[in-house]
ModelCIF file with pLDDT and N, C-alpha, C, O atoms, coordinates in Angstrom:
data_MODEL
#
_entry.id   MODEL 
#
_entity.id                         1 
_entity.type                       polymer 
_entity.pdbx_number_of_molecules   1 
#
_entity_poly.entity_id                      1 
_entity_poly.type                           'polypeptide(L)' 
_entity_poly.nstd_linkage                   no 
_entity_poly.nstd_monomer                   no 
_entity_poly.pdbx_seq_one_letter_code       
;(UNK)(UNK)(UNK)(UNK)(UNK)(UNK)(UNK)(UNK)(UNK)(UNK)(UNK)(UNK)(UNK)(UNK)(UNK)(UNK)
(UNK)(UNK)(UNK)(UNK)(UNK)(UNK)(UNK)(UNK)(UNK)(UNK)(UNK)(UNK)(UNK)(UNK)(UNK)(UNK)
(UNK)(UNK)(UNK)(UNK)(UNK)(UNK)(UNK)(UNK)(UNK)(UNK)(UNK)(UNK)(UNK)(UNK)
;
_entity_poly.pdbx_seq_one_letter_code_can   XXXXXXXXXXXXXXXXXXXXXXXXXXXXXXXXXXXXXXXXXXXXXX 
_entity_poly.pdbx_strand_id                 A 
#
loop_
_entity_poly_seq.entity_id 
_entity_poly_seq.num 
_entity_poly_seq.mon_id 
_entity_poly_seq.hetero 
1 1  UNK n 
1 2  UNK n 
1 3  UNK n 
1 4  UNK n 
1 5  UNK n 
1 6  UNK n 
1 7  UNK n 
1 8  UNK n 
1 9  UNK n 
1 10 UNK n 
1 11 UNK n 
1 12 UNK n 
1 13 UNK n 
1 14 UNK n 
1 15 UNK n 
1 16 UNK n 
1 17 UNK n 
1 18 UNK n 
1 19 UNK n 
1 20 UNK n 
1 21 UNK n 
1 22 UNK n 
1 23 UNK n 
1 24 UNK n 
1 25 UNK n 
1 26 UNK n 
1 27 UNK n 
1 28 UNK n 
1 29 UNK n 
1 30 UNK n 
1 31 UNK n 
1 32 UNK n 
1 33 UNK n 
1 34 UNK n 
1 35 UNK n 
1 36 UNK n 
1 37 UNK n 
1 38 UNK n 
1 39 UNK n 
1 40 UNK n 
1 41 UNK n 
1 42 UNK n 
1 43 UNK n 
1 44 UNK n 
1 45 UNK n 
1 46 UNK n 
#
_struct_asym.id          A 
_struct_asym.entity_id   1 
#
loop_
_ma_qa_metric.id 
_ma_qa_metric.mode 
_ma_qa_metric.name 
_ma_qa_metric.software_group_id 
_ma_qa_metric.type 
1 global pLDDT . pLDDT 
2 local  pLDDT . pLDDT 
#
_ma_qa_metric_global.metric_id      1 
_ma_qa_metric_global.metric_value   87.09 
_ma_qa_metric_global.model_id       1 
_ma_qa_metric_global.ordinal_id     1 
#
loop_
_ma_qa_metric_local.label_asym_id 
_ma_qa_metric_local.label_comp_id 
_ma_qa_metric_local.label_seq_id 
_ma_qa_metric_local.metric_id 
_ma_qa_metric_local.metric_value 
_ma_qa_metric_local.model_id 
_ma_qa_metric_local.ordinal_id 
A UNK 1  2 92.00 1 1  
A UNK 2  2 90.00 1 2  
A UNK 3  2 93.00 1 3  
A UNK 4  2 94.00 1 4  
A UNK 5  2 92.00 1 5  
A UNK 6  2 92.00 1 6  
A UNK 7  2 93.00 1 7  
A UNK 8  2 93.00 1 8  
A UNK 9  2 91.00 1 9  
A UNK 10 2 91.00 1 10 
A UNK 11 2 90.00 1 11 
A UNK 12 2 90.00 1 12 
A UNK 13 2 89.00 1 13 
A UNK 14 2 85.00 1 14 
A UNK 15 2 84.00 1 15 
A UNK 16 2 84.00 1 16 
A UNK 17 2 80.00 1 17 
A UNK 18 2 82.00 1 18 
A UNK 19 2 78.00 1 19 
A UNK 20 2 83.00 1 20 
A UNK 21 2 81.00 1 21 
A UNK 22 2 84.00 1 22 
A UNK 23 2 87.00 1 23 
A UNK 24 2 87.00 1 24 
A UNK 25 2 88.00 1 25 
A UNK 26 2 88.00 1 26 
A UNK 27 2 90.00 1 27 
A UNK 28 2 90.00 1 28 
A UNK 29 2 90.00 1 29 
A UNK 30 2 91.00 1 30 
A UNK 31 2 92.00 1 31 
A UNK 32 2 90.00 1 32 
A UNK 33 2 90.00 1 33 
A UNK 34 2 92.00 1 34 
A UNK 35 2 89.00 1 35 
A UNK 36 2 86.00 1 36 
A UNK 37 2 86.00 1 37 
A UNK 38 2 90.00 1 38 
A UNK 39 2 85.00 1 39 
A UNK 40 2 80.00 1 40 
A UNK 41 2 83.00 1 41 
A UNK 42 2 85.00 1 42 
A UNK 43 2 78.00 1 43 
A UNK 44 2 75.00 1 44 
A UNK 45 2 81.00 1 45 
A UNK 46 2 82.00 1 46 
#
loop_
_atom_site.group_PDB 
_atom_site.id 
_atom_site.type_symbol 
_atom_site.label_atom_id 
_atom_site.label_alt_id 
_atom_site.label_comp_id 
_atom_site.label_asym_id 
_atom_site.label_entity_id 
_atom_site.label_seq_id 
_atom_site.pdbx_PDB_ins_code 
_atom_site.Cartn_x 
_atom_site.Cartn_y 
_atom_site.Cartn_z 
_atom_site.occupancy 
_atom_site.B_iso_or_equiv 
_atom_site.pdbx_formal_charge 
_atom_site.auth_seq_id 
_atom_site.auth_comp_id 
_atom_site.auth_asym_id 
_atom_site.auth_atom_id 
_atom_site.pdbx_PDB_model_num 
ATOM 1   N N  . UNK A 1 1  ? -74.124 -137.274 -57.649 1.00 92.00 ? 1  UNK A N  1 
ATOM 2   C CA . UNK A 1 1  ? -74.483 -137.738 -58.985 1.00 92.00 ? 1  UNK A CA 1 
ATOM 3   C C  . UNK A 1 1  ? -74.439 -139.265 -59.062 1.00 92.00 ? 1  UNK A C  1 
ATOM 4   O O  . UNK A 1 1  ? -75.340 -139.888 -59.623 1.00 92.00 ? 1  UNK A O  1 
ATOM 5   N N  . UNK A 1 2  ? -73.386 -139.866 -58.495 1.00 90.00 ? 2  UNK A N  1 
ATOM 6   C CA . UNK A 1 2  ? -73.242 -141.321 -58.560 1.00 90.00 ? 2  UNK A CA 1 
ATOM 7   C C  . UNK A 1 2  ? -74.381 -142.019 -57.835 1.00 90.00 ? 2  UNK A C  1 
ATOM 8   O O  . UNK A 1 2  ? -74.956 -142.981 -58.345 1.00 90.00 ? 2  UNK A O  1 
ATOM 9   N N  . UNK A 1 3  ? -74.705 -141.528 -56.636 1.00 93.00 ? 3  UNK A N  1 
ATOM 10  C CA . UNK A 1 3  ? -75.792 -142.146 -55.874 1.00 93.00 ? 3  UNK A CA 1 
ATOM 11  C C  . UNK A 1 3  ? -77.114 -142.002 -56.618 1.00 93.00 ? 3  UNK A C  1 
ATOM 12  O O  . UNK A 1 3  ? -77.895 -142.952 -56.681 1.00 93.00 ? 3  UNK A O  1 
ATOM 13  N N  . UNK A 1 4  ? -77.374 -140.821 -57.183 1.00 94.00 ? 4  UNK A N  1 
ATOM 14  C CA . UNK A 1 4  ? -78.635 -140.578 -57.886 1.00 94.00 ? 4  UNK A CA 1 
ATOM 15  C C  . UNK A 1 4  ? -78.780 -141.486 -59.100 1.00 94.00 ? 4  UNK A C  1 
ATOM 16  O O  . UNK A 1 4  ? -79.857 -142.026 -59.349 1.00 94.00 ? 4  UNK A O  1 
ATOM 17  N N  . UNK A 1 5  ? -77.691 -141.656 -59.858 1.00 92.00 ? 5  UNK A N  1 
ATOM 18  C CA . UNK A 1 5  ? -77.746 -142.534 -61.032 1.00 92.00 ? 5  UNK A CA 1 
ATOM 19  C C  . UNK A 1 5  ? -78.047 -143.968 -60.612 1.00 92.00 ? 5  UNK A C  1 
ATOM 20  O O  . UNK A 1 5  ? -78.880 -144.642 -61.219 1.00 92.00 ? 5  UNK A O  1 
ATOM 21  N N  . UNK A 1 6  ? -77.360 -144.430 -59.564 1.00 92.00 ? 6  UNK A N  1 
ATOM 22  C CA . UNK A 1 6  ? -77.618 -145.791 -59.091 1.00 92.00 ? 6  UNK A CA 1 
ATOM 23  C C  . UNK A 1 6  ? -79.027 -145.955 -58.568 1.00 92.00 ? 6  UNK A C  1 
ATOM 24  O O  . UNK A 1 6  ? -79.686 -146.955 -58.854 1.00 92.00 ? 6  UNK A O  1 
ATOM 25  N N  . UNK A 1 7  ? -79.496 -144.976 -57.800 1.00 93.00 ? 7  UNK A N  1 
ATOM 26  C CA . UNK A 1 7  ? -80.830 -145.064 -57.199 1.00 93.00 ? 7  UNK A CA 1 
ATOM 27  C C  . UNK A 1 7  ? -81.938 -145.016 -58.239 1.00 93.00 ? 7  UNK A C  1 
ATOM 28  O O  . UNK A 1 7  ? -83.024 -145.555 -58.025 1.00 93.00 ? 7  UNK A O  1 
ATOM 29  N N  . UNK A 1 8  ? -81.661 -144.372 -59.363 1.00 93.00 ? 8  UNK A N  1 
ATOM 30  C CA . UNK A 1 8  ? -82.684 -144.260 -60.410 1.00 93.00 ? 8  UNK A CA 1 
ATOM 31  C C  . UNK A 1 8  ? -83.021 -145.615 -61.014 1.00 93.00 ? 8  UNK A C  1 
ATOM 32  O O  . UNK A 1 8  ? -84.119 -145.792 -61.542 1.00 93.00 ? 8  UNK A O  1 
ATOM 33  N N  . UNK A 1 9  ? -82.102 -146.577 -60.951 1.00 91.00 ? 9  UNK A N  1 
ATOM 34  C CA . UNK A 1 9  ? -82.340 -147.890 -61.573 1.00 91.00 ? 9  UNK A CA 1 
ATOM 35  C C  . UNK A 1 9  ? -83.525 -148.603 -60.934 1.00 91.00 ? 9  UNK A C  1 
ATOM 36  O O  . UNK A 1 9  ? -84.458 -148.964 -61.650 1.00 91.00 ? 9  UNK A O  1 
ATOM 37  N N  . UNK A 1 10 ? -83.533 -148.827 -59.598 1.00 91.00 ? 10 UNK A N  1 
ATOM 38  C CA . UNK A 1 10 ? -84.716 -149.483 -59.018 1.00 91.00 ? 10 UNK A CA 1 
ATOM 39  C C  . UNK A 1 10 ? -85.954 -148.595 -59.016 1.00 91.00 ? 10 UNK A C  1 
ATOM 40  O O  . UNK A 1 10 ? -87.075 -149.092 -59.119 1.00 91.00 ? 10 UNK A O  1 
ATOM 41  N N  . UNK A 1 11 ? -85.757 -147.282 -58.898 1.00 90.00 ? 11 UNK A N  1 
ATOM 42  C CA . UNK A 1 11 ? -86.907 -146.382 -58.827 1.00 90.00 ? 11 UNK A CA 1 
ATOM 43  C C  . UNK A 1 11 ? -87.696 -146.376 -60.135 1.00 90.00 ? 11 UNK A C  1 
ATOM 44  O O  . UNK A 1 11 ? -88.927 -146.394 -60.119 1.00 90.00 ? 11 UNK A O  1 
ATOM 45  N N  . UNK A 1 12 ? -86.995 -146.351 -61.255 1.00 90.00 ? 12 UNK A N  1 
ATOM 46  C CA . UNK A 1 12 ? -87.678 -146.316 -62.550 1.00 90.00 ? 12 UNK A CA 1 
ATOM 47  C C  . UNK A 1 12 ? -88.485 -147.587 -62.816 1.00 90.00 ? 12 UNK A C  1 
ATOM 48  O O  . UNK A 1 12 ? -89.458 -147.560 -63.571 1.00 90.00 ? 12 UNK A O  1 
ATOM 49  N N  . UNK A 1 13 ? -88.084 -148.693 -62.198 1.00 89.00 ? 13 UNK A N  1 
ATOM 50  C CA . UNK A 1 13 ? -88.802 -149.953 -62.402 1.00 89.00 ? 13 UNK A CA 1 
ATOM 51  C C  . UNK A 1 13 ? -90.234 -149.893 -61.877 1.00 89.00 ? 13 UNK A C  1 
ATOM 52  O O  . UNK A 1 13 ? -91.107 -150.625 -62.343 1.00 89.00 ? 13 UNK A O  1 
ATOM 53  N N  . UNK A 1 14 ? -90.464 -149.018 -60.906 1.00 85.00 ? 14 UNK A N  1 
ATOM 54  C CA . UNK A 1 14 ? -91.812 -148.880 -60.326 1.00 85.00 ? 14 UNK A CA 1 
ATOM 55  C C  . UNK A 1 14 ? -92.799 -148.383 -61.380 1.00 85.00 ? 14 UNK A C  1 
ATOM 56  O O  . UNK A 1 14 ? -93.980 -148.730 -61.340 1.00 85.00 ? 14 UNK A O  1 
ATOM 57  N N  . UNK A 1 15 ? -92.324 -147.581 -62.308 1.00 84.00 ? 15 UNK A N  1 
ATOM 58  C CA . UNK A 1 15 ? -93.210 -146.926 -63.268 1.00 84.00 ? 15 UNK A CA 1 
ATOM 59  C C  . UNK A 1 15 ? -93.379 -147.721 -64.561 1.00 84.00 ? 15 UNK A C  1 
ATOM 60  O O  . UNK A 1 15 ? -94.055 -147.260 -65.480 1.00 84.00 ? 15 UNK A O  1 
ATOM 61  N N  . UNK A 1 16 ? -92.781 -148.899 -64.646 1.00 84.00 ? 16 UNK A N  1 
ATOM 62  C CA . UNK A 1 16 ? -92.964 -149.694 -65.859 1.00 84.00 ? 16 UNK A CA 1 
ATOM 63  C C  . UNK A 1 16 ? -94.428 -150.117 -65.985 1.00 84.00 ? 16 UNK A C  1 
ATOM 64  O O  . UNK A 1 16 ? -95.048 -150.500 -64.993 1.00 84.00 ? 16 UNK A O  1 
ATOM 65  N N  . UNK A 1 17 ? -94.982 -150.050 -67.195 1.00 80.00 ? 17 UNK A N  1 
ATOM 66  C CA . UNK A 1 17 ? -96.399 -150.375 -67.369 1.00 80.00 ? 17 UNK A CA 1 
ATOM 67  C C  . UNK A 1 17 ? -96.682 -151.876 -67.426 1.00 80.00 ? 17 UNK A C  1 
ATOM 68  O O  . UNK A 1 17 ? -97.819 -152.271 -67.685 1.00 80.00 ? 17 UNK A O  1 
ATOM 69  N N  . UNK A 1 18 ? -95.700 -152.702 -67.195 1.00 82.00 ? 18 UNK A N  1 
ATOM 70  C CA . UNK A 1 18 ? -95.905 -154.146 -67.254 1.00 82.00 ? 18 UNK A CA 1 
ATOM 71  C C  . UNK A 1 18 ? -95.166 -154.802 -66.094 1.00 82.00 ? 18 UNK A C  1 
ATOM 72  O O  . UNK A 1 18 ? -94.247 -154.226 -65.511 1.00 82.00 ? 18 UNK A O  1 
ATOM 73  N N  . UNK A 1 19 ? -95.591 -156.021 -65.776 1.00 78.00 ? 19 UNK A N  1 
ATOM 74  C CA . UNK A 1 19 ? -94.930 -156.777 -64.731 1.00 78.00 ? 19 UNK A CA 1 
ATOM 75  C C  . UNK A 1 19 ? -95.265 -156.286 -63.335 1.00 78.00 ? 19 UNK A C  1 
ATOM 76  O O  . UNK A 1 19 ? -96.110 -155.409 -63.156 1.00 78.00 ? 19 UNK A O  1 
ATOM 77  N N  . UNK A 1 20 ? -94.590 -156.865 -62.346 1.00 83.00 ? 20 UNK A N  1 
ATOM 78  C CA . UNK A 1 20 ? -94.773 -156.488 -60.941 1.00 83.00 ? 20 UNK A CA 1 
ATOM 79  C C  . UNK A 1 20 ? -93.572 -155.648 -60.494 1.00 83.00 ? 20 UNK A C  1 
ATOM 80  O O  . UNK A 1 20 ? -92.436 -155.945 -60.863 1.00 83.00 ? 20 UNK A O  1 
ATOM 81  N N  . UNK A 1 21 ? -93.825 -154.593 -59.694 1.00 81.00 ? 21 UNK A N  1 
ATOM 82  C CA . UNK A 1 21 ? -92.714 -153.729 -59.269 1.00 81.00 ? 21 UNK A CA 1 
ATOM 83  C C  . UNK A 1 21 ? -91.576 -154.488 -58.593 1.00 81.00 ? 21 UNK A C  1 
ATOM 84  O O  . UNK A 1 21 ? -90.405 -154.188 -58.820 1.00 81.00 ? 21 UNK A O  1 
ATOM 85  N N  . UNK A 1 22 ? -91.924 -155.477 -57.756 1.00 84.00 ? 22 UNK A N  1 
ATOM 86  C CA . UNK A 1 22 ? -90.882 -156.207 -57.030 1.00 84.00 ? 22 UNK A CA 1 
ATOM 87  C C  . UNK A 1 22 ? -90.016 -157.006 -57.992 1.00 84.00 ? 22 UNK A C  1 
ATOM 88  O O  . UNK A 1 22 ? -88.790 -156.998 -57.881 1.00 84.00 ? 22 UNK A O  1 
ATOM 89  N N  . UNK A 1 23 ? -90.644 -157.689 -58.928 1.00 87.00 ? 23 UNK A N  1 
ATOM 90  C CA . UNK A 1 23 ? -89.893 -158.509 -59.885 1.00 87.00 ? 23 UNK A CA 1 
ATOM 91  C C  . UNK A 1 23 ? -89.063 -157.621 -60.807 1.00 87.00 ? 23 UNK A C  1 
ATOM 92  O O  . UNK A 1 23 ? -87.892 -157.904 -61.060 1.00 87.00 ? 23 UNK A O  1 
ATOM 93  N N  . UNK A 1 24 ? -89.667 -156.556 -61.304 1.00 87.00 ? 24 UNK A N  1 
ATOM 94  C CA . UNK A 1 24 ? -88.938 -155.640 -62.190 1.00 87.00 ? 24 UNK A CA 1 
ATOM 95  C C  . UNK A 1 24 ? -87.724 -155.047 -61.484 1.00 87.00 ? 24 UNK A C  1 
ATOM 96  O O  . UNK A 1 24 ? -86.633 -154.961 -62.048 1.00 87.00 ? 24 UNK A O  1 
ATOM 97  N N  . UNK A 1 25 ? -87.945 -154.639 -60.234 1.00 88.00 ? 25 UNK A N  1 
ATOM 98  C CA . UNK A 1 25 ? -86.857 -154.037 -59.460 1.00 88.00 ? 25 UNK A CA 1 
ATOM 99  C C  . UNK A 1 25 ? -85.746 -155.048 -59.211 1.00 88.00 ? 25 UNK A C  1 
ATOM 100 O O  . UNK A 1 25 ? -84.568 -154.725 -59.360 1.00 88.00 ? 25 UNK A O  1 
ATOM 101 N N  . UNK A 1 26 ? -86.116 -156.274 -58.832 1.00 88.00 ? 26 UNK A N  1 
ATOM 102 C CA . UNK A 1 26 ? -85.120 -157.302 -58.530 1.00 88.00 ? 26 UNK A CA 1 
ATOM 103 C C  . UNK A 1 26 ? -84.243 -157.590 -59.747 1.00 88.00 ? 26 UNK A C  1 
ATOM 104 O O  . UNK A 1 26 ? -83.023 -157.693 -59.624 1.00 88.00 ? 26 UNK A O  1 
ATOM 105 N N  . UNK A 1 27 ? -84.856 -157.719 -60.911 1.00 90.00 ? 27 UNK A N  1 
ATOM 106 C CA . UNK A 1 27 ? -84.095 -158.002 -62.126 1.00 90.00 ? 27 UNK A CA 1 
ATOM 107 C C  . UNK A 1 27 ? -83.143 -156.852 -62.453 1.00 90.00 ? 27 UNK A C  1 
ATOM 108 O O  . UNK A 1 27 ? -81.968 -157.064 -62.753 1.00 90.00 ? 27 UNK A O  1 
ATOM 109 N N  . UNK A 1 28 ? -83.679 -155.622 -62.388 1.00 90.00 ? 28 UNK A N  1 
ATOM 110 C CA . UNK A 1 28 ? -82.852 -154.453 -62.707 1.00 90.00 ? 28 UNK A CA 1 
ATOM 111 C C  . UNK A 1 28 ? -81.700 -154.298 -61.724 1.00 90.00 ? 28 UNK A C  1 
ATOM 112 O O  . UNK A 1 28 ? -80.585 -153.950 -62.111 1.00 90.00 ? 28 UNK A O  1 
ATOM 113 N N  . UNK A 1 29 ? -81.977 -154.558 -60.452 1.00 90.00 ? 29 UNK A N  1 
ATOM 114 C CA . UNK A 1 29 ? -80.943 -154.400 -59.426 1.00 90.00 ? 29 UNK A CA 1 
ATOM 115 C C  . UNK A 1 29 ? -79.832 -155.433 -59.604 1.00 90.00 ? 29 UNK A C  1 
ATOM 116 O O  . UNK A 1 29 ? -78.653 -155.100 -59.478 1.00 90.00 ? 29 UNK A O  1 
ATOM 117 N N  . UNK A 1 30 ? -80.193 -156.673 -59.894 1.00 91.00 ? 30 UNK A N  1 
ATOM 118 C CA . UNK A 1 30 ? -79.172 -157.700 -60.107 1.00 91.00 ? 30 UNK A CA 1 
ATOM 119 C C  . UNK A 1 30 ? -78.279 -157.322 -61.282 1.00 91.00 ? 30 UNK A C  1 
ATOM 120 O O  . UNK A 1 30 ? -77.059 -157.471 -61.214 1.00 91.00 ? 30 UNK A O  1 
ATOM 121 N N  . UNK A 1 31 ? -78.884 -156.837 -62.349 1.00 92.00 ? 31 UNK A N  1 
ATOM 122 C CA . UNK A 1 31 ? -78.093 -156.409 -63.504 1.00 92.00 ? 31 UNK A CA 1 
ATOM 123 C C  . UNK A 1 31 ? -77.192 -155.216 -63.147 1.00 92.00 ? 31 UNK A C  1 
ATOM 124 O O  . UNK A 1 31 ? -76.025 -155.168 -63.535 1.00 92.00 ? 31 UNK A O  1 
ATOM 125 N N  . UNK A 1 32 ? -77.755 -154.257 -62.402 1.00 90.00 ? 32 UNK A N  1 
ATOM 126 C CA . UNK A 1 32 ? -76.968 -153.090 -61.994 1.00 90.00 ? 32 UNK A CA 1 
ATOM 127 C C  . UNK A 1 32 ? -75.815 -153.471 -61.090 1.00 90.00 ? 32 UNK A C  1 
ATOM 128 O O  . UNK A 1 32 ? -74.712 -152.946 -61.240 1.00 90.00 ? 32 UNK A O  1 
ATOM 129 N N  . UNK A 1 33 ? -76.054 -154.384 -60.145 1.00 90.00 ? 33 UNK A N  1 
ATOM 130 C CA . UNK A 1 33 ? -75.000 -154.822 -59.226 1.00 90.00 ? 33 UNK A CA 1 
ATOM 131 C C  . UNK A 1 33 ? -73.925 -155.614 -59.970 1.00 90.00 ? 33 UNK A C  1 
ATOM 132 O O  . UNK A 1 33 ? -72.738 -155.519 -59.657 1.00 90.00 ? 33 UNK A O  1 
ATOM 133 N N  . UNK A 1 34 ? -74.357 -156.389 -60.949 1.00 92.00 ? 34 UNK A N  1 
ATOM 134 C CA . UNK A 1 34 ? -73.381 -157.103 -61.783 1.00 92.00 ? 34 UNK A CA 1 
ATOM 135 C C  . UNK A 1 34 ? -72.455 -156.102 -62.468 1.00 92.00 ? 34 UNK A C  1 
ATOM 136 O O  . UNK A 1 34 ? -71.237 -156.282 -62.498 1.00 92.00 ? 34 UNK A O  1 
ATOM 137 N N  . UNK A 1 35 ? -73.047 -155.050 -63.015 1.00 89.00 ? 35 UNK A N  1 
ATOM 138 C CA . UNK A 1 35 ? -72.266 -154.055 -63.752 1.00 89.00 ? 35 UNK A CA 1 
ATOM 139 C C  . UNK A 1 35 ? -71.314 -153.294 -62.833 1.00 89.00 ? 35 UNK A C  1 
ATOM 140 O O  . UNK A 1 35 ? -70.140 -153.133 -63.166 1.00 89.00 ? 35 UNK A O  1 
ATOM 141 N N  . UNK A 1 36 ? -71.802 -152.819 -61.676 1.00 86.00 ? 36 UNK A N  1 
ATOM 142 C CA . UNK A 1 36 ? -70.929 -152.065 -60.773 1.00 86.00 ? 36 UNK A CA 1 
ATOM 143 C C  . UNK A 1 36 ? -69.827 -152.950 -60.193 1.00 86.00 ? 36 UNK A C  1 
ATOM 144 O O  . UNK A 1 36 ? -68.699 -152.493 -60.006 1.00 86.00 ? 36 UNK A O  1 
ATOM 145 N N  . UNK A 1 37 ? -70.145 -154.203 -59.911 1.00 86.00 ? 37 UNK A N  1 
ATOM 146 C CA . UNK A 1 37 ? -69.117 -155.123 -59.427 1.00 86.00 ? 37 UNK A CA 1 
ATOM 147 C C  . UNK A 1 37 ? -68.040 -155.363 -60.471 1.00 86.00 ? 37 UNK A C  1 
ATOM 148 O O  . UNK A 1 37 ? -66.851 -155.415 -60.155 1.00 86.00 ? 37 UNK A O  1 
ATOM 149 N N  . UNK A 1 38 ? -68.470 -155.507 -61.714 1.00 90.00 ? 38 UNK A N  1 
ATOM 150 C CA . UNK A 1 38 ? -67.532 -155.731 -62.826 1.00 90.00 ? 38 UNK A CA 1 
ATOM 151 C C  . UNK A 1 38 ? -66.629 -154.514 -63.019 1.00 90.00 ? 38 UNK A C  1 
ATOM 152 O O  . UNK A 1 38 ? -65.415 -154.649 -63.176 1.00 90.00 ? 38 UNK A O  1 
ATOM 153 N N  . UNK A 1 39 ? -67.234 -153.325 -63.007 1.00 85.00 ? 39 UNK A N  1 
ATOM 154 C CA . UNK A 1 39 ? -66.452 -152.108 -63.243 1.00 85.00 ? 39 UNK A CA 1 
ATOM 155 C C  . UNK A 1 39 ? -65.470 -151.855 -62.108 1.00 85.00 ? 39 UNK A C  1 
ATOM 156 O O  . UNK A 1 39 ? -64.305 -151.548 -62.357 1.00 85.00 ? 39 UNK A O  1 
ATOM 157 N N  . UNK A 1 40 ? -65.928 -151.980 -60.855 1.00 80.00 ? 40 UNK A N  1 
ATOM 158 C CA . UNK A 1 40 ? -65.037 -151.711 -59.717 1.00 80.00 ? 40 UNK A CA 1 
ATOM 159 C C  . UNK A 1 40 ? -63.868 -152.686 -59.693 1.00 80.00 ? 40 UNK A C  1 
ATOM 160 O O  . UNK A 1 40 ? -62.744 -152.294 -59.381 1.00 80.00 ? 40 UNK A O  1 
ATOM 161 N N  . UNK A 1 41 ? -64.118 -153.956 -60.019 1.00 83.00 ? 41 UNK A N  1 
ATOM 162 C CA . UNK A 1 41 ? -63.033 -154.939 -60.063 1.00 83.00 ? 41 UNK A CA 1 
ATOM 163 C C  . UNK A 1 41 ? -62.066 -154.629 -61.194 1.00 83.00 ? 41 UNK A C  1 
ATOM 164 O O  . UNK A 1 41 ? -60.853 -154.768 -61.037 1.00 83.00 ? 41 UNK A O  1 
ATOM 165 N N  . UNK A 1 42 ? -62.604 -154.210 -62.333 1.00 85.00 ? 42 UNK A N  1 
ATOM 166 C CA . UNK A 1 42 ? -61.750 -153.876 -63.474 1.00 85.00 ? 42 UNK A CA 1 
ATOM 167 C C  . UNK A 1 42 ? -60.853 -152.687 -63.153 1.00 85.00 ? 42 UNK A C  1 
ATOM 168 O O  . UNK A 1 42 ? -59.664 -152.699 -63.470 1.00 85.00 ? 42 UNK A O  1 
ATOM 169 N N  . UNK A 1 43 ? -61.423 -151.655 -62.521 1.00 78.00 ? 43 UNK A N  1 
ATOM 170 C CA . UNK A 1 43 ? -60.635 -150.480 -62.160 1.00 78.00 ? 43 UNK A CA 1 
ATOM 171 C C  . UNK A 1 43 ? -59.556 -150.822 -61.138 1.00 78.00 ? 43 UNK A C  1 
ATOM 172 O O  . UNK A 1 43 ? -58.453 -150.277 -61.179 1.00 78.00 ? 43 UNK A O  1 
ATOM 173 N N  . UNK A 1 44 ? -59.884 -151.723 -60.228 1.00 75.00 ? 44 UNK A N  1 
ATOM 174 C CA . UNK A 1 44 ? -58.912 -152.116 -59.213 1.00 75.00 ? 44 UNK A CA 1 
ATOM 175 C C  . UNK A 1 44 ? -58.009 -153.250 -59.638 1.00 75.00 ? 44 UNK A C  1 
ATOM 176 O O  . UNK A 1 44 ? -57.173 -153.706 -58.859 1.00 75.00 ? 44 UNK A O  1 
ATOM 177 N N  . UNK A 1 45 ? -58.170 -153.720 -60.895 1.00 81.00 ? 45 UNK A N  1 
ATOM 178 C CA . UNK A 1 45 ? -57.369 -154.820 -61.435 1.00 81.00 ? 45 UNK A CA 1 
ATOM 179 C C  . UNK A 1 45 ? -57.456 -156.053 -60.538 1.00 81.00 ? 45 UNK A C  1 
ATOM 180 O O  . UNK A 1 45 ? -56.465 -156.742 -60.298 1.00 81.00 ? 45 UNK A O  1 
ATOM 181 N N  . UNK A 1 46 ? -58.677 -156.311 -60.047 1.00 82.00 ? 46 UNK A N  1 
ATOM 182 C CA . UNK A 1 46 ? -58.932 -157.465 -59.195 1.00 82.00 ? 46 UNK A CA 1 
ATOM 183 C C  . UNK A 1 46 ? -59.736 -158.501 -59.984 1.00 82.00 ? 46 UNK A C  1 
ATOM 184 O O  . UNK A 1 46 ? -60.064 -159.562 -59.454 1.00 82.00 ? 46 UNK A O  1 
#
């Protein structure tokens, strides 16, 4: 479930009706990585 949820973020960007897939994916991935990094650090009290 965790892998599928994460993988859906860049995959869904391909189907956006605007922009370029590479740019859309890059933006979404950076935001997703920011969020997972923040959460993992918070859980580990780091």
